[in-house]
Amino acid sequence: MQAADLVALHMEREMQLQKLLNAYLTPSRRSNAPSLASLRRRAAKHGVTIERERDAAGWAYWLQGTGWDDGNFCADREELANAVADLEIERAAH
Protein backbone atom coordinates (compact mmCIF):
# COMPACT_ATOMS: atom_id res chain seq x y z
CA MET A 1 0.00 0.00 0.00
CA GLN A 2 1.12 3.47 -0.82
CA ALA A 3 1.33 6.16 1.83
CA ALA A 4 -1.50 8.07 0.17
CA ASP A 5 -3.71 4.96 0.33
CA LEU A 6 -2.95 4.53 4.02
CA VAL A 7 -3.76 8.18 4.72
CA ALA A 8 -7.06 7.89 2.82
CA LEU A 9 -7.95 4.69 4.70
CA HIS A 10 -7.06 6.30 8.01
CA MET A 11 -9.20 9.37 7.24
CA GLU A 12 -12.12 7.19 6.19
CA ARG A 13 -11.92 5.17 9.42
CA GLU A 14 -11.62 8.34 11.47
CA MET A 15 -14.75 9.79 9.83
CA GLN A 16 -16.65 6.55 10.50
CA LEU A 17 -15.61 6.61 14.15
CA GLN A 18 -16.53 10.28 14.47
CA LYS A 19 -19.97 9.60 12.98
CA LEU A 20 -20.50 6.69 15.38
CA LEU A 21 -19.36 8.76 18.36
CA ASN A 22 -21.66 11.64 17.40
CA ALA A 23 -24.61 9.26 17.07
CA TYR A 24 -23.86 7.87 20.53
CA LEU A 25 -23.34 11.23 22.25
CA THR A 26 -26.11 13.23 20.58
CA PRO A 27 -29.35 13.05 22.53
CA SER A 28 -32.25 11.53 20.71
CA ARG A 29 -34.80 13.92 19.27
CA ARG A 30 -37.48 11.54 20.44
CA SER A 31 -38.86 12.31 23.83
CA ASN A 32 -40.65 10.00 26.21
CA ALA A 33 -42.43 13.00 27.73
CA PRO A 34 -46.19 13.32 27.26
CA SER A 35 -47.42 15.46 24.38
CA LEU A 36 -47.82 19.20 24.86
CA ALA A 37 -51.59 18.87 24.36
CA SER A 38 -51.78 16.29 27.14
CA LEU A 39 -49.72 18.46 29.49
CA ARG A 40 -51.90 21.49 28.69
CA ARG A 41 -55.06 19.52 29.53
CA ARG A 42 -53.59 18.31 32.82
CA ALA A 43 -52.45 21.82 33.77
CA ALA A 44 -55.82 23.35 32.78
CA LYS A 45 -57.56 21.13 35.35
CA HIS A 46 -55.71 23.23 37.95
CA GLY A 47 -56.28 26.61 36.33
CA VAL A 48 -52.79 26.80 34.83
CA THR A 49 -51.91 27.53 31.20
CA ILE A 50 -48.75 26.59 29.33
CA GLU A 51 -47.18 29.05 26.91
CA ARG A 52 -44.63 27.87 24.37
CA GLU A 53 -41.92 30.02 22.80
CA ARG A 54 -39.10 29.34 20.38
CA ASP A 55 -35.59 30.68 20.89
CA ALA A 56 -32.14 29.89 19.49
CA ALA A 57 -31.87 26.78 21.68
CA GLY A 58 -35.27 25.36 20.70
CA TRP A 59 -38.68 25.30 22.37
CA ALA A 60 -39.19 26.57 25.91
CA TYR A 61 -42.31 26.59 28.07
CA TRP A 62 -43.81 28.88 30.71
CA LEU A 63 -46.40 27.86 33.26
CA GLN A 64 -48.88 30.72 33.84
CA GLY A 65 -51.04 30.93 36.94
CA THR A 66 -49.21 28.56 39.27
CA GLY A 67 -48.72 31.05 42.07
CA TRP A 68 -45.10 29.87 42.31
CA ASP A 69 -42.29 32.40 42.71
CA ASP A 70 -39.90 30.14 40.83
CA GLY A 71 -40.10 27.03 38.65
CA ASN A 72 -42.45 28.49 36.03
CA PHE A 73 -39.90 28.17 33.18
CA CYS A 74 -39.15 24.79 31.59
CA ALA A 75 -36.42 24.24 29.03
CA ASP A 76 -37.94 21.10 27.49
CA ARG A 77 -41.03 18.91 27.57
CA GLU A 78 -39.55 16.45 30.06
CA GLU A 79 -38.93 19.29 32.51
CA LEU A 80 -42.44 20.57 31.77
CA ALA A 81 -43.92 17.13 32.48
CA ASN A 82 -42.14 17.10 35.85
CA ALA A 83 -43.44 20.59 36.65
CA VAL A 84 -47.02 19.60 35.79
CA ALA A 85 -46.66 16.48 37.97
CA ASP A 86 -45.40 18.69 40.84
CA LEU A 87 -48.38 20.99 40.28
CA GLU A 88 -50.80 18.05 40.43
CA ILE A 89 -49.23 16.78 43.66
CA GLU A 90 -49.29 20.25 45.22
CA ARG A 91 -52.91 20.91 44.25
CA ALA A 92 -54.03 17.43 45.36
CA ALA A 93 -52.60 18.07 48.81
CA HIS A 94 -54.76 21.18 49.30
C-alpha atoms as a PDB file:
ATOM      1  CA  MET A   1       0.000   0.000   0.000  1.00  0.00           C
ATOM      2  CA  GLN A   2       1.119   3.468  -0.822  1.00  0.00           C
ATOM      3  CA  ALA A   3       1.332   6.162   1.834  1.00  0.00           C
ATOM      4  CA  ALA A   4      -1.500   8.066   0.167  1.00  0.00           C
ATOM      5  CA  ASP A   5      -3.712   4.955   0.329  1.00  0.00           C
ATOM      6  CA  LEU A   6      -2.946   4.533   4.019  1.00  0.00           C
ATOM      7  CA  VAL A   7      -3.761   8.178   4.715  1.00  0.00           C
ATOM      8  CA  ALA A   8      -7.057   7.888   2.821  1.00  0.00           C
ATOM      9  CA  LEU A   9      -7.951   4.686   4.700  1.00  0.00           C
ATOM     10  CA  HIS A  10      -7.061   6.300   8.015  1.00  0.00           C
ATOM     11  CA  MET A  11      -9.198   9.370   7.244  1.00  0.00           C
ATOM     12  CA  GLU A  12     -12.118   7.193   6.189  1.00  0.00           C
ATOM     13  CA  ARG A  13     -11.923   5.167   9.418  1.00  0.00           C
ATOM     14  CA  GLU A  14     -11.618   8.337  11.470  1.00  0.00           C
ATOM     15  CA  MET A  15     -14.749   9.786   9.835  1.00  0.00           C
ATOM     16  CA  GLN A  16     -16.654   6.552  10.500  1.00  0.00           C
ATOM     17  CA  LEU A  17     -15.608   6.605  14.147  1.00  0.00           C
ATOM     18  CA  GLN A  18     -16.533  10.276  14.469  1.00  0.00           C
ATOM     19  CA  LYS A  19     -19.972   9.599  12.980  1.00  0.00           C
ATOM     20  CA  LEU A  20     -20.498   6.690  15.377  1.00  0.00           C
ATOM     21  CA  LEU A  21     -19.358   8.758  18.356  1.00  0.00           C
ATOM     22  CA  ASN A  22     -21.664  11.638  17.398  1.00  0.00           C
ATOM     23  CA  ALA A  23     -24.608   9.261  17.075  1.00  0.00           C
ATOM     24  CA  TYR A  24     -23.861   7.869  20.525  1.00  0.00           C
ATOM     25  CA  LEU A  25     -23.339  11.233  22.252  1.00  0.00           C
ATOM     26  CA  THR A  26     -26.107  13.229  20.583  1.00  0.00           C
ATOM     27  CA  PRO A  27     -29.351  13.052  22.533  1.00  0.00           C
ATOM     28  CA  SER A  28     -32.252  11.531  20.714  1.00  0.00           C
ATOM     29  CA  ARG A  29     -34.802  13.918  19.267  1.00  0.00           C
ATOM     30  CA  ARG A  30     -37.480  11.538  20.441  1.00  0.00           C
ATOM     31  CA  SER A  31     -38.861  12.305  23.832  1.00  0.00           C
ATOM     32  CA  ASN A  32     -40.653  10.003  26.213  1.00  0.00           C
ATOM     33  CA  ALA A  33     -42.434  13.000  27.732  1.00  0.00           C
ATOM     34  CA  PRO A  34     -46.192  13.319  27.258  1.00  0.00           C
ATOM     35  CA  SER A  35     -47.423  15.457  24.383  1.00  0.00           C
ATOM     36  CA  LEU A  36     -47.821  19.196  24.860  1.00  0.00           C
ATOM     37  CA  ALA A  37     -51.592  18.870  24.355  1.00  0.00           C
ATOM     38  CA  SER A  38     -51.782  16.289  27.142  1.00  0.00           C
ATOM     39  CA  LEU A  39     -49.722  18.463  29.485  1.00  0.00           C
ATOM     40  CA  ARG A  40     -51.897  21.485  28.689  1.00  0.00           C
ATOM     41  CA  ARG A  41     -55.057  19.517  29.527  1.00  0.00           C
ATOM     42  CA  ARG A  42     -53.590  18.313  32.825  1.00  0.00           C
ATOM     43  CA  ALA A  43     -52.454  21.822  33.767  1.00  0.00           C
ATOM     44  CA  ALA A  44     -55.817  23.346  32.777  1.00  0.00           C
ATOM     45  CA  LYS A  45     -57.562  21.134  35.350  1.00  0.00           C
ATOM     46  CA  HIS A  46     -55.708  23.229  37.953  1.00  0.00           C
ATOM     47  CA  GLY A  47     -56.279  26.614  36.328  1.00  0.00           C
ATOM     48  CA  VAL A  48     -52.786  26.795  34.830  1.00  0.00           C
ATOM     49  CA  THR A  49     -51.912  27.526  31.205  1.00  0.00           C
ATOM     50  CA  ILE A  50     -48.746  26.587  29.335  1.00  0.00           C
ATOM     51  CA  GLU A  51     -47.183  29.055  26.911  1.00  0.00           C
ATOM     52  CA  ARG A  52     -44.629  27.873  24.371  1.00  0.00           C
ATOM     53  CA  GLU A  53     -41.921  30.015  22.796  1.00  0.00           C
ATOM     54  CA  ARG A  54     -39.097  29.344  20.383  1.00  0.00           C
ATOM     55  CA  ASP A  55     -35.590  30.679  20.890  1.00  0.00           C
ATOM     56  CA  ALA A  56     -32.142  29.892  19.492  1.00  0.00           C
ATOM     57  CA  ALA A  57     -31.869  26.776  21.676  1.00  0.00           C
ATOM     58  CA  GLY A  58     -35.273  25.361  20.698  1.00  0.00           C
ATOM     59  CA  TRP A  59     -38.682  25.304  22.374  1.00  0.00           C
ATOM     60  CA  ALA A  60     -39.192  26.573  25.914  1.00  0.00           C
ATOM     61  CA  TYR A  61     -42.312  26.591  28.068  1.00  0.00           C
ATOM     62  CA  TRP A  62     -43.811  28.883  30.713  1.00  0.00           C
ATOM     63  CA  LEU A  63     -46.401  27.865  33.261  1.00  0.00           C
ATOM     64  CA  GLN A  64     -48.883  30.719  33.836  1.00  0.00           C
ATOM     65  CA  GLY A  65     -51.044  30.933  36.941  1.00  0.00           C
ATOM     66  CA  THR A  66     -49.207  28.558  39.271  1.00  0.00           C
ATOM     67  CA  GLY A  67     -48.716  31.049  42.070  1.00  0.00           C
ATOM     68  CA  TRP A  68     -45.103  29.873  42.306  1.00  0.00           C
ATOM     69  CA  ASP A  69     -42.287  32.400  42.711  1.00  0.00           C
ATOM     70  CA  ASP A  70     -39.900  30.138  40.829  1.00  0.00           C
ATOM     71  CA  GLY A  71     -40.101  27.035  38.653  1.00  0.00           C
ATOM     72  CA  ASN A  72     -42.446  28.490  36.026  1.00  0.00           C
ATOM     73  CA  PHE A  73     -39.899  28.174  33.179  1.00  0.00           C
ATOM     74  CA  CYS A  74     -39.154  24.788  31.595  1.00  0.00           C
ATOM     75  CA  ALA A  75     -36.417  24.244  29.026  1.00  0.00           C
ATOM     76  CA  ASP A  76     -37.939  21.104  27.489  1.00  0.00           C
ATOM     77  CA  ARG A  77     -41.033  18.907  27.574  1.00  0.00           C
ATOM     78  CA  GLU A  78     -39.555  16.452  30.063  1.00  0.00           C
ATOM     79  CA  GLU A  79     -38.930  19.289  32.514  1.00  0.00           C
ATOM     80  CA  LEU A  80     -42.440  20.573  31.767  1.00  0.00           C
ATOM     81  CA  ALA A  81     -43.917  17.126  32.476  1.00  0.00           C
ATOM     82  CA  ASN A  82     -42.142  17.104  35.853  1.00  0.00           C
ATOM     83  CA  ALA A  83     -43.443  20.595  36.652  1.00  0.00           C
ATOM     84  CA  VAL A  84     -47.023  19.595  35.786  1.00  0.00           C
ATOM     85  CA  ALA A  85     -46.659  16.483  37.973  1.00  0.00           C
ATOM     86  CA  ASP A  86     -45.401  18.687  40.839  1.00  0.00           C
ATOM     87  CA  LEU A  87     -48.377  20.986  40.281  1.00  0.00           C
ATOM     88  CA  GLU A  88     -50.798  18.048  40.428  1.00  0.00           C
ATOM     89  CA  ILE A  89     -49.226  16.784  43.659  1.00  0.00           C
ATOM     90  CA  GLU A  90     -49.293  20.248  45.218  1.00  0.00           C
ATOM     91  CA  ARG A  91     -52.909  20.913  44.254  1.00  0.00           C
ATOM     92  CA  ALA A  92     -54.032  17.425  45.360  1.00  0.00           C
ATOM     93  CA  ALA A  93     -52.597  18.072  48.811  1.00  0.00           C
ATOM     94  CA  HIS A  94     -54.760  21.178  49.302  1.00  0.00           C
END
